[in-house]
């Protein structure tokens, strides 16, 4: 049930981000970049000699930081108050990314780089 709720939040955030871009005639690049950018931590965390599914411990703090809801939520609130639709769409895309990850079972990492259960 929890994964379904995360998927629903992901679709809601995606729909809102697209609606903001379309109705406010905003540019798309922030939406696209922020939908993909949190996974840069996976590239930073790749290293030979790790177990299957393990992220290098040096990348765990960055990975966990960009896969929490507080930062994109703050971005959405601030950009709403400042009337900045491009960056609001970016925050919503970031929220969608996190939500879809969680709906697929990808959550935060342990200090050793494994998925938390």
C-alpha atoms as a PDB file:
ATOM      1  CA  UNK A   1       0.000   0.000   0.000  1.00  0.00           C
ATOM      2  CA  UNK A   2       2.895   2.352   0.830  1.00  0.00           C
ATOM      3  CA  UNK A   3       4.476   1.837  -2.604  1.00  0.00           C
ATOM      4  CA  UNK A   4       1.160   2.642  -4.253  1.00  0.00           C
ATOM      5  CA  UNK A   5       0.927   5.889  -2.267  1.00  0.00           C
ATOM      6  CA  UNK A   6       4.440   6.836  -3.375  1.00  0.00           C
ATOM      7  CA  UNK A   7       3.525   6.095  -6.992  1.00  0.00           C
ATOM      8  CA  UNK A   8       0.407   8.251  -6.644  1.00  0.00           C
ATOM      9  CA  UNK A   9       2.473  11.108  -5.244  1.00  0.00           C
ATOM     10  CA  UNK A  10       4.933  10.684  -8.107  1.00  0.00           C
ATOM     11  CA  UNK A  11       2.198  10.932 -10.717  1.00  0.00           C
ATOM     12  CA  UNK A  12       0.616  13.899  -8.937  1.00  0.00           C
ATOM     13  CA  UNK A  13       3.933  15.772  -8.743  1.00  0.00           C
ATOM     14  CA  UNK A  14       4.702  14.956 -12.390  1.00  0.00           C
ATOM     15  CA  UNK A  15       1.297  16.191 -13.516  1.00  0.00           C
ATOM     16  CA  UNK A  16       1.612  19.380 -11.496  1.00  0.00           C
ATOM     17  CA  UNK A  17       5.128  20.033 -12.827  1.00  0.00           C
ATOM     18  CA  UNK A  18       3.970  19.631 -16.425  1.00  0.00           C
ATOM     19  CA  UNK A  19       0.908  21.783 -15.743  1.00  0.00           C
ATOM     20  CA  UNK A  20       3.090  24.545 -14.286  1.00  0.00           C
ATOM     21  CA  UNK A  21       5.383  24.500 -17.321  1.00  0.00           C
ATOM     22  CA  UNK A  22       2.516  24.484 -19.824  1.00  0.00           C
ATOM     23  CA  UNK A  23       0.199  26.998 -18.154  1.00  0.00           C
ATOM     24  CA  UNK A  24       2.957  29.409 -17.121  1.00  0.00           C
ATOM     25  CA  UNK A  25       4.839  29.115 -20.433  1.00  0.00           C
ATOM     26  CA  UNK A  26       7.960  28.198 -18.499  1.00  0.00           C
ATOM     27  CA  UNK A  27      11.018  26.473 -19.896  1.00  0.00           C
ATOM     28  CA  UNK A  28      11.311  22.699 -19.624  1.00  0.00           C
ATOM     29  CA  UNK A  29      14.997  22.304 -18.855  1.00  0.00           C
ATOM     30  CA  UNK A  30      14.686  22.610 -15.067  1.00  0.00           C
ATOM     31  CA  UNK A  31      11.951  19.983 -15.011  1.00  0.00           C
ATOM     32  CA  UNK A  32      14.042  17.521 -17.022  1.00  0.00           C
ATOM     33  CA  UNK A  33      17.282  18.150 -15.134  1.00  0.00           C
ATOM     34  CA  UNK A  34      15.699  17.833 -11.685  1.00  0.00           C
ATOM     35  CA  UNK A  35      13.851  14.674 -12.700  1.00  0.00           C
ATOM     36  CA  UNK A  36      17.195  13.021 -13.514  1.00  0.00           C
ATOM     37  CA  UNK A  37      19.810  14.807 -11.371  1.00  0.00           C
ATOM     38  CA  UNK A  38      19.301  12.954  -8.055  1.00  0.00           C
ATOM     39  CA  UNK A  39      20.709   9.827  -9.678  1.00  0.00           C
ATOM     40  CA  UNK A  40      24.073  11.506 -10.274  1.00  0.00           C
ATOM     41  CA  UNK A  41      24.852  10.180  -6.791  1.00  0.00           C
ATOM     42  CA  UNK A  42      24.671   6.667  -8.251  1.00  0.00           C
ATOM     43  CA  UNK A  43      27.391   7.548 -10.749  1.00  0.00           C
ATOM     44  CA  UNK A  44      29.549   9.016  -7.995  1.00  0.00           C
ATOM     45  CA  UNK A  45      29.000   5.868  -5.943  1.00  0.00           C
ATOM     46  CA  UNK A  46      30.021   3.351  -8.595  1.00  0.00           C
ATOM     47  CA  UNK A  47      33.249   1.582  -7.803  1.00  0.00           C
ATOM     48  CA  UNK A  48      34.822  -1.807  -8.483  1.00  0.00           C
ATOM     49  CA  UNK A  49      34.801  -4.320  -5.665  1.00  0.00           C
ATOM     50  CA  UNK A  50      31.385  -3.426  -4.258  1.00  0.00           C
ATOM     51  CA  UNK A  51      28.632  -5.946  -3.619  1.00  0.00           C
ATOM     52  CA  UNK A  52      25.634  -6.063  -5.952  1.00  0.00           C
ATOM     53  CA  UNK A  53      23.407  -3.062  -5.232  1.00  0.00           C
ATOM     54  CA  UNK A  54      25.945  -1.411  -2.972  1.00  0.00           C
ATOM     55  CA  UNK A  55      26.813   2.250  -3.351  1.00  0.00           C
ATOM     56  CA  UNK A  56      30.298   3.385  -2.332  1.00  0.00           C
ATOM     57  CA  UNK A  57      30.146   4.783   1.208  1.00  0.00           C
ATOM     58  CA  UNK A  58      31.636   8.106   0.046  1.00  0.00           C
ATOM     59  CA  UNK A  59      28.483   8.736  -2.030  1.00  0.00           C
ATOM     60  CA  UNK A  60      25.934   7.762   0.634  1.00  0.00           C
ATOM     61  CA  UNK A  61      25.619  11.202   2.300  1.00  0.00           C
ATOM     62  CA  UNK A  62      25.043  12.889  -1.073  1.00  0.00           C
ATOM     63  CA  UNK A  63      22.648  10.150  -2.240  1.00  0.00           C
ATOM     64  CA  UNK A  64      20.611  10.321   0.976  1.00  0.00           C
ATOM     65  CA  UNK A  65      20.538  14.123   0.937  1.00  0.00           C
ATOM     66  CA  UNK A  66      19.114  14.330  -2.592  1.00  0.00           C
ATOM     67  CA  UNK A  67      16.613  11.533  -1.921  1.00  0.00           C
ATOM     68  CA  UNK A  68      14.813  13.214   0.972  1.00  0.00           C
ATOM     69  CA  UNK A  69      11.673  15.301   0.514  1.00  0.00           C
ATOM     70  CA  UNK A  70      12.598  18.358   2.586  1.00  0.00           C
ATOM     71  CA  UNK A  71      14.856  20.096   0.033  1.00  0.00           C
ATOM     72  CA  UNK A  72      12.488  19.889  -2.955  1.00  0.00           C
ATOM     73  CA  UNK A  73       9.554  20.792  -0.703  1.00  0.00           C
ATOM     74  CA  UNK A  74      11.378  23.933   0.444  1.00  0.00           C
ATOM     75  CA  UNK A  75      12.201  24.716  -3.198  1.00  0.00           C
ATOM     76  CA  UNK A  76       8.519  24.414  -4.178  1.00  0.00           C
ATOM     77  CA  UNK A  77       7.332  26.634  -1.317  1.00  0.00           C
ATOM     78  CA  UNK A  78       9.947  29.335  -1.919  1.00  0.00           C
ATOM     79  CA  UNK A  79       9.376  29.392  -5.675  1.00  0.00           C
ATOM     80  CA  UNK A  80       5.622  29.549  -5.120  1.00  0.00           C
ATOM     81  CA  UNK A  81       6.108  32.604  -2.914  1.00  0.00           C
ATOM     82  CA  UNK A  82       8.508  34.152  -5.442  1.00  0.00           C
ATOM     83  CA  UNK A  83       6.302  33.262  -8.450  1.00  0.00           C
ATOM     84  CA  UNK A  84       9.057  31.369 -10.240  1.00  0.00           C
ATOM     85  CA  UNK A  85       7.321  28.644 -12.280  1.00  0.00           C
ATOM     86  CA  UNK A  86      10.482  27.118 -13.785  1.00  0.00           C
ATOM     87  CA  UNK A  87      11.982  26.370 -10.390  1.00  0.00           C
ATOM     88  CA  UNK A  88       8.645  25.250  -8.983  1.00  0.00           C
ATOM     89  CA  UNK A  89       8.474  22.684 -11.793  1.00  0.00           C
ATOM     90  CA  UNK A  90      12.020  21.652 -10.885  1.00  0.00           C
ATOM     91  CA  UNK A  91      11.053  21.044  -7.263  1.00  0.00           C
ATOM     92  CA  UNK A  92       7.972  19.091  -8.298  1.00  0.00           C
ATOM     93  CA  UNK A  93      10.046  16.969 -10.701  1.00  0.00           C
ATOM     94  CA  UNK A  94      12.504  16.277  -7.881  1.00  0.00           C
ATOM     95  CA  UNK A  95       9.623  15.202  -5.621  1.00  0.00           C
ATOM     96  CA  UNK A  96       8.352  12.965  -8.435  1.00  0.00           C
ATOM     97  CA  UNK A  97      11.792  11.366  -8.802  1.00  0.00           C
ATOM     98  CA  UNK A  98      11.992  10.566  -5.090  1.00  0.00           C
ATOM     99  CA  UNK A  99       8.434   9.250  -5.053  1.00  0.00           C
ATOM    100  CA  UNK A 100       8.929   6.960  -8.035  1.00  0.00           C
ATOM    101  CA  UNK A 101      12.166   5.643  -6.521  1.00  0.00           C
ATOM    102  CA  UNK A 102      10.356   4.842  -3.285  1.00  0.00           C
ATOM    103  CA  UNK A 103       7.460   3.232  -5.153  1.00  0.00           C
ATOM    104  CA  UNK A 104       9.989   0.896  -6.774  1.00  0.00           C
ATOM    105  CA  UNK A 105      11.564   0.038  -3.432  1.00  0.00           C
ATOM    106  CA  UNK A 106      14.612   2.295  -3.675  1.00  0.00           C
ATOM    107  CA  UNK A 107      14.941   4.216  -0.440  1.00  0.00           C
ATOM    108  CA  UNK A 108      17.701   5.751   1.568  1.00  0.00           C
ATOM    109  CA  UNK A 109      21.044   3.981   2.024  1.00  0.00           C
ATOM    110  CA  UNK A 110      22.872   2.660   5.075  1.00  0.00           C
ATOM    111  CA  UNK A 111      26.335   4.109   5.824  1.00  0.00           C
ATOM    112  CA  UNK A 112      27.791   1.029   4.081  1.00  0.00           C
ATOM    113  CA  UNK A 113      25.861   1.861   0.885  1.00  0.00           C
ATOM    114  CA  UNK A 114      23.102  -0.755   0.947  1.00  0.00           C
ATOM    115  CA  UNK A 115      19.356  -0.084   0.646  1.00  0.00           C
ATOM    116  CA  UNK A 116      17.706   0.432   4.023  1.00  0.00           C
ATOM    117  CA  UNK A 117      14.955  -2.041   4.730  1.00  0.00           C
END
